[in-house]
Amino acid sequence: MARFIFITGGVVSSLGKGLMAASLAALLQARGYRVRIRKFDPYLNVDPGTMSPYQHGEVYVTDDGAETDLDLGHYERFTGVAARQSDNVTSGRIYQQIITKERRGDYLGATVQVVPHVTDAIKAFARAETDDLDFVLCEIGGTVGDIESLPFIEAIRQLRNEEGRENTLSVHVTLVPYIAAAGELKTKPTQHSVRELASLGVQPDVLLCRCEKPLPEGERAKIAQFCNVRKEAVIPALDADSIYSVPVQYHGEGLDSEVLRAFGIHDAPEPDLTAWYDIMDRKQHPEGEVTIGVVGKYVSLPDAYKSLNEALVHGGMANRVKVNIRWLDAEMFEEGDLAARLEPMHGILVPGGFGERGSEGKIASVRFAREQGVPFLGICLGMQMACIEGARNTSGIAKASSTEFGATDEPVVGLITEWMSAEGLQKRGANTDMGGTMRLGAYDAKLSPNSHVASIYGANDISERHRHRYEVNGAYREALEKGGLVFSGMSPDGMLPEIIERPDHPWFIGVQFHPELKSKPFDPHPLFKGFIEAAVKQSRLV
């Protein structure tokens, strides 16, 4: 029978509940327990798929095609447990399901209410597919006291009663601010936050206190006294030098031990943190450094490229080098000054995105990488821009463009209207809904046996995660290959281009999928490992 750990946040947002959940799960996993982490998001969007990256950061895509919260990326990177659609739910999705059932008459004329219908749906989500697990960690988005999170808190209260206190635990993440003028850490915000949560029927068992200064024993005892928890259950959480230091740091403060004690588990084995110590060593003691220029359109908000950022770090760990990431706005390169900004780079990466803004700047950066022999990795839209650049400048198709940007006489990239999935033939039209209608999730690809990517993967058959509406037009394959751009990976039916490369270039690869979504610190993705290795070689030439 699975035990449930409910994680809430108070005082302010952005305290790192997702990172805390991922770290605790990793520590329990290191002790031999089977874990899964879930995210409850209170907003009314059905999923984050149609939200601007500036609003909500990146959209994390699972193997089964769900567009989910970026915290699921932390969960998967820290535990290695593949996230699923059932691991993320929003208020919008719950209300959509309930209203659909009401319209069908499934409630037989009953009045549909938040309690019990909405709370029952939340509880069903928490309990689904948990039979083979030891611990299920459920993170509640937002901050305690927010109106939209109230149904989730009520569902937690009910679950604690139904599952029994011996099988449920509440962890509350709060802020203990340092007031410089007074020279003191203040515990009152934490007291108020716990009081707010308790007034809703949920008494926390463990407090994780974010603070920028060490938490003195006196303040720790004060928090315990006023918040009705054990002193040992008040866990200080100071800022770490790297997110990959957090599991070891939390273990040192006794987080996992206190959680197990609260469940009455006293004979758990000590965690095997060998892999985490190795990761920390690689991160903290690099043997060199490289600079990677990421030419994107959402670069003012790094969370828009969260998985990409981490995958580059993983590639650096694999090569024992520090990766300095330079976030470069693609629109800058539409105004010139391209060479001065890109010449210092040891590698150039053009990530995914949507829309025409910045596209010409991306195309210009691809051309710079091709002509100067700088290692290049194009992801999703980045691959499409590499094909348009090649069509224009090496295949003689001057008007090459994408139908995503408007009508064009040379649609080197166009709307994908049908493809094969595990569920059968999928069809889309130009006027279909935006949400959940892309080619989403894991799809297989076949690699050319003697290609560069086949040597990087060490395999000819791969599976990667997709999120896109547009594809490189196969009708232009012959013209592009005459210009030196080889299609080295295709869908199993040979219809959809998955990977392109330039054999005459030191390292030039474009992929239609998102390899960053499967990279982990203890298992870096082969493409990022190879890309950073090529950047290291480039740094020695500069």
Protein backbone atom coordinates (compact mmCIF):
# COMPACT_ATOMS: atom_id res chain seq x y z
CA MET A 1 0.00 0.00 0.00
CA ALA A 2 1.41 3.36 -1.02
CA ARG A 3 2.02 6.08 1.54
CA PHE A 4 1.22 9.67 0.56
CA ILE A 5 3.37 12.76 1.16
CA PHE A 6 1.57 16.05 0.51
CA ILE A 7 3.77 19.07 -0.17
CA THR A 8 2.40 22.59 0.18
CA GLY A 9 4.00 26.03 0.13
CA GLY A 10 3.41 29.16 2.13
CA VAL A 11 4.40 32.82 2.60
CA VAL A 12 5.46 33.39 -1.02
CA SER A 13 5.66 31.47 -4.27
CA SER A 14 8.85 30.19 -5.94
CA LEU A 15 10.26 28.62 -2.79
CA GLY A 16 11.30 25.48 -4.65
CA LYS A 17 8.55 23.00 -3.76
CA GLY A 18 9.20 21.09 -6.98
CA LEU A 19 12.91 20.81 -6.29
CA MET A 20 12.17 19.81 -2.70
CA ALA A 21 9.74 17.10 -3.87
CA ALA A 22 12.28 15.80 -6.39
CA SER A 23 15.06 15.78 -3.78
CA LEU A 24 12.98 13.97 -1.15
CA ALA A 25 11.87 11.40 -3.72
CA ALA A 26 15.50 10.87 -4.76
CA LEU A 27 16.52 10.32 -1.12
CA LEU A 28 13.73 7.80 -0.55
CA GLN A 29 14.65 6.10 -3.81
CA ALA A 30 18.29 5.94 -2.68
CA ARG A 31 17.07 3.95 0.33
CA GLY A 32 15.47 1.40 -1.98
CA TYR A 33 11.87 2.65 -2.04
CA ARG A 34 9.69 2.89 -5.15
CA VAL A 35 8.49 6.46 -5.64
CA ARG A 36 6.37 8.63 -7.92
CA ILE A 37 5.76 12.38 -7.80
CA ARG A 38 2.60 14.19 -8.86
CA LYS A 39 1.77 17.84 -9.39
CA PHE A 40 -1.61 19.47 -8.67
CA ASP A 41 -1.87 22.83 -10.48
CA PRO A 42 -4.72 25.14 -9.36
CA TYR A 43 -4.99 27.22 -12.55
CA LEU A 44 -7.96 26.82 -14.92
CA ASN A 45 -6.00 25.99 -18.07
CA VAL A 46 -6.57 22.35 -18.99
CA ASP A 47 -2.79 22.02 -19.29
CA PRO A 48 0.13 24.43 -19.80
CA GLY A 49 0.35 23.61 -23.51
CA THR A 50 -1.25 26.85 -24.74
CA MET A 51 0.37 29.11 -22.13
CA SER A 52 3.12 31.55 -23.04
CA PRO A 53 6.59 30.50 -21.83
CA TYR A 54 6.75 33.92 -20.18
CA GLN A 55 3.72 32.95 -18.09
CA HIS A 56 4.67 29.48 -17.01
CA GLY A 57 8.13 28.53 -18.25
CA GLU A 58 8.68 25.49 -20.44
CA VAL A 59 6.11 22.82 -21.17
CA TYR A 60 7.45 19.42 -20.18
CA VAL A 61 6.28 16.62 -22.48
CA THR A 62 5.96 13.01 -21.34
CA ASP A 63 6.36 9.80 -23.34
CA ASP A 64 2.59 9.36 -23.44
CA GLY A 65 2.05 12.79 -24.97
CA ALA A 66 1.03 14.95 -22.02
CA GLU A 67 1.93 18.64 -21.90
CA THR A 68 2.77 19.18 -18.24
CA ASP A 69 4.28 21.53 -15.69
CA LEU A 70 8.05 22.07 -15.77
CA ASP A 71 8.35 20.61 -12.25
CA LEU A 72 7.80 17.17 -13.79
CA GLY A 73 11.14 17.69 -15.48
CA HIS A 74 12.78 18.02 -12.05
CA TYR A 75 10.95 14.91 -10.89
CA GLU A 76 12.16 12.83 -13.81
CA ARG A 77 15.71 14.17 -13.82
CA PHE A 78 16.17 13.47 -10.10
CA THR A 79 14.53 10.03 -9.93
CA GLY A 80 14.83 8.62 -13.44
CA VAL A 81 11.15 7.62 -13.20
CA ALA A 82 9.46 8.49 -16.50
CA ALA A 83 6.65 11.00 -15.95
CA ARG A 84 3.17 10.17 -17.23
CA GLN A 85 -0.01 12.05 -18.07
CA SER A 86 -1.45 10.84 -14.78
CA ASP A 87 1.26 12.74 -12.87
CA ASN A 88 -0.04 16.25 -13.57
CA VAL A 89 -3.56 17.61 -13.24
CA THR A 90 -4.97 21.14 -13.26
CA SER A 91 -8.18 22.62 -11.93
CA GLY A 92 -9.15 23.19 -15.55
CA ARG A 93 -8.81 19.53 -16.44
CA ILE A 94 -10.77 18.43 -13.37
CA TYR A 95 -13.59 20.91 -14.00
CA GLN A 96 -13.64 19.96 -17.69
CA GLN A 97 -14.10 16.29 -16.81
CA ILE A 98 -16.81 17.04 -14.24
CA ILE A 99 -18.77 19.38 -16.52
CA THR A 100 -18.56 16.87 -19.38
CA LYS A 101 -20.01 14.20 -17.09
CA GLU A 102 -22.72 16.58 -15.89
CA ARG A 103 -23.74 17.43 -19.47
CA ARG A 104 -24.00 13.70 -20.26
CA GLY A 105 -26.28 13.22 -17.25
CA ASP A 106 -23.83 10.99 -15.41
CA TYR A 107 -24.77 12.57 -12.07
CA LEU A 108 -28.44 11.61 -12.51
CA GLY A 109 -29.76 15.05 -11.74
CA ALA A 110 -27.71 15.63 -8.59
CA THR A 111 -26.40 19.08 -7.74
CA VAL A 112 -22.73 19.18 -8.78
CA GLN A 113 -20.56 20.83 -6.12
CA VAL A 114 -16.94 21.41 -5.17
CA VAL A 115 -17.49 19.03 -2.26
CA PRO A 116 -17.83 16.17 -2.99
CA HIS A 117 -17.47 16.11 -6.78
CA VAL A 118 -14.34 18.20 -7.31
CA THR A 119 -12.58 16.89 -4.21
CA ASP A 120 -13.46 13.30 -5.15
CA ALA A 121 -11.90 13.84 -8.58
CA ILE A 122 -8.73 15.21 -6.99
CA LYS A 123 -8.52 12.23 -4.62
CA ALA A 124 -9.03 9.80 -7.50
CA PHE A 125 -6.17 11.48 -9.33
CA ALA A 126 -3.88 11.15 -6.30
CA ARG A 127 -4.68 7.45 -5.85
CA ALA A 128 -4.54 6.37 -9.51
CA GLU A 129 -1.86 3.84 -10.52
CA THR A 130 -0.21 3.62 -7.11
CA ASP A 131 -0.46 -0.10 -6.31
CA ASP A 132 3.20 -0.83 -7.08
CA LEU A 133 4.61 2.16 -5.16
CA ASP A 134 5.95 2.73 -1.67
CA PHE A 135 5.59 6.52 -1.64
CA VAL A 136 3.53 8.96 -3.71
CA LEU A 137 4.62 12.59 -3.35
CA CYS A 138 1.91 15.10 -4.27
CA GLU A 139 2.97 18.72 -4.75
CA ILE A 140 0.25 21.37 -4.57
CA GLY A 141 0.99 24.37 -6.79
CA GLY A 142 0.57 27.93 -5.60
CA THR A 143 0.60 29.24 -2.04
CA VAL A 144 -1.60 28.30 0.90
CA GLY A 145 -4.30 30.94 1.20
CA ASP A 146 -4.86 31.28 -2.54
CA ILE A 147 -8.54 30.93 -3.45
CA GLU A 148 -7.89 28.56 -6.34
CA SER A 149 -5.97 26.04 -4.23
CA LEU A 150 -8.71 25.56 -1.62
CA PRO A 151 -10.30 22.45 -3.25
CA PHE A 152 -6.88 20.76 -3.31
CA ILE A 153 -6.22 21.50 0.36
CA GLU A 154 -9.68 20.17 1.23
CA ALA A 155 -8.96 17.02 -0.80
CA ILE A 156 -5.72 16.54 1.17
CA ARG A 157 -7.63 16.90 4.43
CA GLN A 158 -10.06 14.22 3.35
CA LEU A 159 -7.33 11.91 2.09
CA ARG A 160 -5.48 12.10 5.41
CA ASN A 161 -8.63 10.96 7.18
CA GLU A 162 -9.46 8.24 4.66
CA GLU A 163 -5.96 6.80 4.27
CA GLY A 164 -5.07 7.15 7.94
CA ARG A 165 -2.45 9.36 9.57
CA GLU A 166 0.01 6.44 9.57
CA ASN A 167 -0.09 6.44 5.75
CA THR A 168 -0.07 10.19 5.05
CA LEU A 169 2.29 13.04 5.78
CA SER A 170 2.17 16.81 5.27
CA VAL A 171 5.34 18.73 4.42
CA HIS A 172 5.00 22.52 4.34
CA VAL A 173 7.64 24.66 2.63
CA THR A 174 7.91 28.18 4.07
CA LEU A 175 10.16 31.22 4.07
CA VAL A 176 12.14 32.47 7.07
CA PRO A 177 13.23 35.90 5.81
CA TYR A 178 16.36 37.69 6.98
CA ILE A 179 15.78 41.34 7.89
CA ALA A 180 19.13 43.03 7.34
CA ALA A 181 18.26 46.17 9.33
CA ALA A 182 17.49 44.07 12.38
CA GLY A 183 20.14 41.46 11.67
CA GLU A 184 17.61 38.72 12.39
CA LEU A 185 15.76 35.84 10.80
CA LYS A 186 12.02 36.27 11.30
CA THR A 187 9.83 33.27 12.10
CA LYS A 188 6.46 35.04 12.14
CA PRO A 189 5.68 34.49 8.41
CA THR A 190 6.15 30.76 8.90
CA GLN A 191 3.91 30.79 11.98
CA HIS A 192 1.15 32.58 10.06
CA SER A 193 1.46 30.25 7.08
CA VAL A 194 1.20 27.13 9.25
CA ARG A 195 -1.77 28.66 11.08
CA GLU A 196 -3.48 29.28 7.72
CA LEU A 197 -2.91 25.70 6.64
CA ALA A 198 -4.06 24.31 9.98
CA SER A 199 -7.22 26.42 9.80
CA LEU A 200 -8.06 24.48 6.62
CA GLY A 201 -7.74 21.20 8.49
CA VAL A 202 -4.18 20.20 7.56
CA GLN A 203 -1.57 20.18 10.31
CA PRO A 204 1.93 19.88 8.80
CA ASP A 205 4.23 17.17 10.17
CA VAL A 206 7.47 18.53 8.69
CA LEU A 207 8.47 22.12 7.93
CA LEU A 208 11.09 22.92 5.32
CA CYS A 209 12.27 26.45 6.05
CA ARG A 210 13.92 28.30 3.20
CA CYS A 211 16.42 30.83 4.56
CA GLU A 212 19.49 32.66 3.34
CA LYS A 213 21.25 32.50 6.72
CA PRO A 214 21.76 29.47 9.01
CA LEU A 215 18.73 28.90 11.22
CA PRO A 216 19.81 29.21 14.89
CA GLU A 217 18.65 26.55 17.33
CA GLY A 218 16.59 29.13 19.22
CA GLU A 219 14.57 30.09 16.14
CA ARG A 220 14.20 26.44 15.19
CA ALA A 221 12.78 25.65 18.64
CA LYS A 222 10.49 28.68 18.43
CA ILE A 223 9.08 27.57 15.09
CA ALA A 224 8.52 24.06 16.46
CA GLN A 225 6.72 25.39 19.53
CA PHE A 226 4.38 27.76 17.73
CA CYS A 227 3.74 25.45 14.77
CA ASN A 228 3.08 22.31 16.79
CA VAL A 229 5.83 20.12 15.31
CA ARG A 230 8.94 18.42 16.65
CA LYS A 231 12.08 20.53 16.68
CA GLU A 232 13.79 17.88 14.53
CA ALA A 233 10.97 18.28 12.02
CA VAL A 234 11.95 21.92 11.37
CA ILE A 235 14.39 21.45 8.49
CA PRO A 236 16.57 24.41 7.42
CA ALA A 237 16.93 24.78 3.64
CA LEU A 238 19.68 27.22 2.72
CA ASP A 239 20.46 28.21 -0.85
CA ALA A 240 22.70 25.63 -2.55
CA ASP A 241 25.49 26.22 -5.04
CA SER A 242 23.73 23.84 -7.48
CA ILE A 243 20.35 22.14 -7.59
CA TYR A 244 22.26 18.84 -7.74
CA SER A 245 23.65 19.51 -4.27
CA VAL A 246 20.16 19.75 -2.76
CA PRO A 247 19.45 16.03 -2.12
CA VAL A 248 22.73 15.61 -0.22
CA GLN A 249 22.14 18.89 1.63
CA TYR A 250 18.61 17.89 2.69
CA HIS A 251 19.85 14.48 3.80
CA GLY A 252 22.48 16.20 5.94
CA GLU A 253 19.72 18.23 7.61
CA GLY A 254 17.73 15.07 8.30
CA LEU A 255 14.76 15.56 5.96
CA ASP A 256 14.40 11.96 4.78
CA SER A 257 15.08 10.55 8.25
CA GLU A 258 12.38 12.75 9.78
CA VAL A 259 9.87 11.81 7.07
CA LEU A 260 10.48 8.10 7.69
CA ARG A 261 10.27 8.59 11.47
CA ALA A 262 6.91 10.32 11.03
CA PHE A 263 5.68 7.25 9.16
CA GLY A 264 6.95 5.01 11.96
CA ILE A 265 9.69 3.52 9.78
CA HIS A 266 12.79 3.02 11.92
CA ASP A 267 14.63 0.22 10.09
CA ALA A 268 15.13 1.83 6.67
CA PRO A 269 18.57 1.31 5.11
CA GLU A 270 20.87 4.29 4.77
CA PRO A 271 20.62 5.96 1.36
CA ASP A 272 23.21 5.15 -1.30
CA LEU A 273 24.18 8.64 -2.46
CA THR A 274 27.23 7.58 -4.48
CA ALA A 275 25.77 8.83 -7.76
CA TRP A 276 24.88 12.19 -6.22
CA TYR A 277 28.37 12.66 -4.78
CA ASP A 278 29.82 11.92 -8.23
CA ILE A 279 27.48 14.47 -9.82
CA MET A 280 28.50 17.08 -7.25
CA ASP A 281 32.17 16.36 -7.83
CA ARG A 282 31.82 16.75 -11.60
CA LYS A 283 29.86 19.97 -11.14
CA GLN A 284 32.15 21.52 -8.54
CA HIS A 285 35.51 20.43 -9.97
CA PRO A 286 35.45 20.91 -13.76
CA GLU A 287 38.64 20.41 -15.76
CA GLY A 288 37.86 23.14 -18.27
CA GLU A 289 35.02 25.25 -19.60
CA VAL A 290 33.17 26.00 -22.82
CA THR A 291 30.74 28.72 -23.88
CA ILE A 292 27.53 27.81 -25.67
CA GLY A 293 25.39 30.42 -27.40
CA VAL A 294 21.65 29.62 -27.26
CA VAL A 295 19.89 31.67 -29.94
CA GLY A 296 16.23 31.74 -28.94
CA LYS A 297 13.17 33.97 -28.63
CA TYR A 298 12.28 33.50 -24.94
CA VAL A 299 15.77 34.07 -23.55
CA SER A 300 14.72 36.77 -21.07
CA LEU A 301 13.12 34.00 -18.98
CA PRO A 302 15.53 31.06 -18.48
CA ASP A 303 12.69 28.85 -17.17
CA ALA A 304 11.34 28.83 -20.73
CA TYR A 305 14.31 26.59 -21.55
CA LYS A 306 14.65 24.80 -18.20
CA SER A 307 15.27 21.28 -19.51
CA LEU A 308 17.59 22.62 -22.18
CA ASN A 309 19.66 24.44 -19.58
CA GLU A 310 19.94 21.30 -17.47
CA ALA A 311 20.77 19.07 -20.46
CA LEU A 312 23.70 21.35 -21.34
CA VAL A 313 24.88 21.13 -17.73
CA HIS A 314 24.62 17.33 -17.95
CA GLY A 315 26.70 17.37 -21.13
CA GLY A 316 29.28 19.39 -19.24
CA MET A 317 29.29 16.90 -16.37
CA ALA A 318 29.83 14.03 -18.81
CA ASN A 319 32.89 15.84 -20.21
CA ARG A 320 34.01 17.27 -16.83
CA VAL A 321 33.76 20.86 -18.04
CA LYS A 322 31.82 23.88 -16.92
CA VAL A 323 29.27 25.04 -19.48
CA ASN A 324 28.80 28.80 -19.68
CA ILE A 325 25.47 29.45 -21.38
CA ARG A 326 24.97 32.73 -23.22
CA TRP A 327 21.30 33.42 -23.87
CA LEU A 328 21.11 35.35 -27.13
CA ASP A 329 17.93 36.98 -28.42
CA ALA A 330 17.46 35.86 -32.03
CA GLU A 331 16.00 39.24 -32.97
CA MET A 332 19.39 40.87 -32.33
CA PHE A 333 20.83 39.03 -35.30
CA GLU A 334 18.26 40.53 -37.63
CA GLU A 335 19.94 43.88 -37.04
CA GLY A 336 23.52 42.76 -37.76
CA ASP A 337 26.46 42.45 -35.35
CA LEU A 338 26.15 38.69 -35.64
CA ALA A 339 29.83 37.79 -35.93
CA ALA A 340 30.90 39.83 -32.90
CA ARG A 341 28.37 38.03 -30.70
CA LEU A 342 28.87 34.50 -32.03
CA GLU A 343 32.64 34.35 -32.57
CA PRO A 344 33.37 33.78 -28.85
CA MET A 345 31.04 30.75 -28.82
CA HIS A 346 32.40 27.20 -28.82
CA GLY A 347 29.01 25.87 -29.84
CA ILE A 348 25.73 27.32 -31.14
CA LEU A 349 22.33 25.89 -30.25
CA VAL A 350 19.01 26.98 -31.77
CA PRO A 351 16.15 25.63 -29.62
CA GLY A 352 12.47 25.06 -30.26
CA GLY A 353 9.82 27.76 -30.39
CA PHE A 354 6.71 28.91 -32.17
CA GLY A 355 6.00 31.79 -34.54
CA GLU A 356 7.92 33.97 -36.96
CA ARG A 357 9.48 36.42 -34.50
CA GLY A 358 13.25 35.98 -34.47
CA SER A 359 13.25 33.38 -37.26
CA GLU A 360 15.60 35.31 -39.56
CA GLY A 361 18.03 35.77 -36.67
CA LYS A 362 18.00 32.02 -36.08
CA ILE A 363 18.61 31.35 -39.75
CA ALA A 364 21.54 33.79 -39.69
CA SER A 365 23.07 32.04 -36.67
CA VAL A 366 22.75 28.67 -38.43
CA ARG A 367 24.60 30.09 -41.43
CA PHE A 368 27.36 31.41 -39.17
CA ALA A 369 27.80 28.00 -37.54
CA ARG A 370 27.87 26.26 -40.92
CA GLU A 371 30.31 28.62 -42.58
CA GLN A 372 32.64 28.98 -39.58
CA GLY A 373 32.70 25.30 -38.65
CA VAL A 374 31.29 25.94 -35.16
CA PRO A 375 29.51 22.93 -33.55
CA PHE A 376 25.77 23.33 -34.09
CA LEU A 377 22.71 21.68 -32.56
CA GLY A 378 19.23 22.59 -33.80
CA ILE A 379 16.19 21.39 -31.86
CA CYS A 380 12.66 21.26 -33.32
CA LEU A 381 12.26 24.75 -34.85
CA GLY A 382 16.06 24.91 -34.80
CA MET A 383 16.23 21.95 -37.18
CA GLN A 384 13.63 23.56 -39.42
CA MET A 385 15.64 26.81 -39.52
CA ALA A 386 18.74 24.77 -40.45
CA CYS A 387 16.83 23.26 -43.38
CA ILE A 388 15.59 26.66 -44.55
CA GLU A 389 19.13 28.07 -44.27
CA GLY A 390 20.49 25.16 -46.26
CA ALA A 391 17.77 25.48 -48.88
CA ARG A 392 18.49 29.17 -49.35
CA ASN A 393 22.27 29.16 -49.25
CA THR A 394 23.48 25.73 -50.40
CA SER A 395 20.57 24.38 -52.50
CA GLY A 396 19.66 27.54 -54.41
CA ILE A 397 16.08 27.86 -53.16
CA ALA A 398 16.17 31.58 -52.40
CA LYS A 399 12.53 31.85 -51.27
CA ALA A 400 12.59 28.86 -48.92
CA SER A 401 10.42 29.40 -45.85
CA SER A 402 7.87 27.81 -43.52
CA THR A 403 4.10 27.95 -43.85
CA GLU A 404 4.07 28.68 -40.11
CA PHE A 405 5.24 32.17 -41.06
CA GLY A 406 2.63 32.69 -43.81
CA ALA A 407 2.01 31.73 -47.41
CA THR A 408 5.15 30.82 -49.35
CA ASP A 409 6.04 29.55 -52.82
CA GLU A 410 8.74 27.29 -51.36
CA PRO A 411 7.33 25.51 -48.27
CA VAL A 412 10.47 23.72 -47.11
CA VAL A 413 8.67 23.46 -43.77
CA GLY A 414 4.92 22.90 -43.64
CA LEU A 415 2.01 21.94 -41.40
CA ILE A 416 1.99 18.25 -40.63
CA THR A 417 -1.51 16.96 -41.41
CA GLU A 418 -1.24 13.26 -40.61
CA TRP A 419 1.11 10.79 -38.97
CA MET A 420 1.09 7.33 -37.43
CA SER A 421 1.01 6.95 -33.65
CA ALA A 422 0.47 4.06 -31.25
CA GLU A 423 -3.26 4.85 -31.45
CA GLY A 424 -3.27 4.75 -35.26
CA LEU A 425 -3.41 7.43 -37.95
CA GLN A 426 -3.58 10.96 -36.53
CA LYS A 427 -4.99 13.82 -38.63
CA ARG A 428 -4.88 17.56 -38.06
CA GLY A 429 -6.06 20.59 -39.98
CA ALA A 430 -5.07 24.23 -40.03
CA ASN A 431 -8.14 25.22 -37.99
CA THR A 432 -8.02 22.60 -35.23
CA ASP A 433 -7.76 23.60 -31.57
CA MET A 434 -4.28 24.54 -30.39
CA GLY A 435 -4.30 22.63 -27.11
CA GLY A 436 -3.10 19.03 -27.26
CA THR A 437 -3.32 18.78 -31.06
CA MET A 438 0.36 18.65 -31.96
CA ARG A 439 2.51 15.60 -32.59
CA LEU A 440 3.17 14.94 -28.92
CA GLY A 441 5.08 12.34 -26.96
CA ALA A 442 7.51 9.55 -27.77
CA TYR A 443 7.94 8.38 -31.37
CA ASP A 444 10.44 5.96 -32.86
CA ALA A 445 13.01 6.90 -35.47
CA LYS A 446 15.39 4.91 -37.64
CA LEU A 447 18.94 6.19 -38.12
CA SER A 448 21.13 5.71 -41.18
CA PRO A 449 23.67 3.02 -40.16
CA ASN A 450 26.80 4.98 -41.13
CA SER A 451 25.59 8.39 -39.97
CA HIS A 452 27.13 10.63 -37.32
CA VAL A 453 24.03 10.38 -35.12
CA ALA A 454 24.08 6.57 -35.25
CA SER A 455 27.62 6.64 -33.87
CA ILE A 456 26.56 9.15 -31.18
CA TYR A 457 23.60 7.03 -30.06
CA GLY A 458 25.38 3.72 -30.58
CA ALA A 459 22.13 2.45 -32.11
CA ASN A 460 20.07 2.59 -35.29
CA ASP A 461 16.66 2.64 -33.59
CA ILE A 462 15.76 5.36 -31.08
CA SER A 463 12.71 6.83 -29.34
CA GLU A 464 12.43 10.55 -28.55
CA ARG A 465 9.76 13.01 -27.40
CA HIS A 466 8.10 15.41 -29.82
CA ARG A 467 6.09 18.63 -29.57
CA HIS A 468 5.41 20.34 -32.88
CA ARG A 469 2.87 21.09 -35.62
CA TYR A 470 5.24 21.65 -38.52
CA GLU A 471 7.63 19.29 -40.30
CA VAL A 472 10.38 19.55 -42.87
CA ASN A 473 8.75 18.86 -46.24
CA GLY A 474 10.05 15.55 -47.60
CA ALA A 475 9.51 16.79 -51.15
CA TYR A 476 12.62 18.94 -50.71
CA ARG A 477 14.85 16.11 -49.47
CA GLU A 478 16.70 15.57 -52.75
CA ALA A 479 17.42 19.28 -53.21
CA LEU A 480 18.61 19.68 -49.61
CA GLU A 481 20.86 16.61 -49.80
CA LYS A 482 22.44 17.93 -52.99
CA GLY A 483 23.34 20.97 -50.91
CA GLY A 484 25.10 18.79 -48.34
CA LEU A 485 22.29 18.43 -45.78
CA VAL A 486 21.78 14.70 -45.15
CA PHE A 487 18.56 13.24 -43.74
CA SER A 488 20.12 10.76 -41.30
CA GLY A 489 17.02 9.92 -39.23
CA MET A 490 13.48 9.23 -40.42
CA SER A 491 10.21 7.98 -38.94
CA PRO A 492 9.86 4.18 -39.27
CA ASP A 493 7.55 4.58 -42.30
CA GLY A 494 10.16 6.78 -43.99
CA MET A 495 7.75 9.70 -44.29
CA LEU A 496 8.81 12.22 -41.62
CA PRO A 497 12.33 13.67 -41.30
CA GLU A 498 13.64 13.32 -37.74
CA ILE A 499 17.35 14.20 -37.97
CA ILE A 500 19.56 16.10 -40.39
CA GLU A 501 23.35 16.47 -40.38
CA ARG A 502 26.21 17.82 -42.47
CA PRO A 503 28.97 15.24 -43.01
CA ASP A 504 31.36 17.95 -44.22
CA HIS A 505 31.06 19.88 -40.94
CA PRO A 506 32.88 19.15 -37.65
CA TRP A 507 29.56 18.75 -35.76
CA PHE A 508 26.27 19.88 -37.31
CA ILE A 509 23.06 18.13 -36.27
CA GLY A 510 19.39 19.13 -36.26
CA VAL A 511 16.64 17.07 -34.64
CA GLN A 512 12.86 17.43 -34.89
CA PHE A 513 12.34 16.10 -31.37
CA HIS A 514 13.36 17.43 -27.92
CA PRO A 515 16.31 15.39 -26.59
CA GLU A 516 16.65 17.68 -23.58
CA LEU A 517 13.50 16.16 -22.08
CA LYS A 518 15.20 12.79 -21.53
CA SER A 519 18.56 13.98 -20.22
CA LYS A 520 19.46 13.29 -16.58
CA PRO A 521 22.46 14.26 -14.47
CA PHE A 522 23.47 10.62 -13.96
CA ASP A 523 22.56 9.71 -17.57
CA PRO A 524 23.34 12.66 -19.90
CA HIS A 525 21.63 12.52 -23.29
CA PRO A 526 24.06 11.31 -26.00
CA LEU A 527 23.43 14.34 -28.22
CA PHE A 528 24.30 16.81 -25.46
CA LYS A 529 27.27 14.75 -24.39
CA GLY A 530 28.52 14.75 -27.99
CA PHE A 531 27.70 18.43 -28.55
CA ILE A 532 29.70 19.54 -25.51
CA GLU A 533 32.55 17.21 -26.47
CA ALA A 534 32.66 18.93 -29.87
CA ALA A 535 32.58 22.33 -28.14
CA VAL A 536 35.58 21.29 -26.02
CA LYS A 537 37.50 20.49 -29.21
CA GLN A 538 36.41 23.83 -30.68
CA SER A 539 37.66 25.67 -27.59
CA ARG A 540 41.13 24.26 -28.19
CA LEU A 541 41.14 25.59 -31.74
CA VAL A 542 40.18 29.15 -30.79
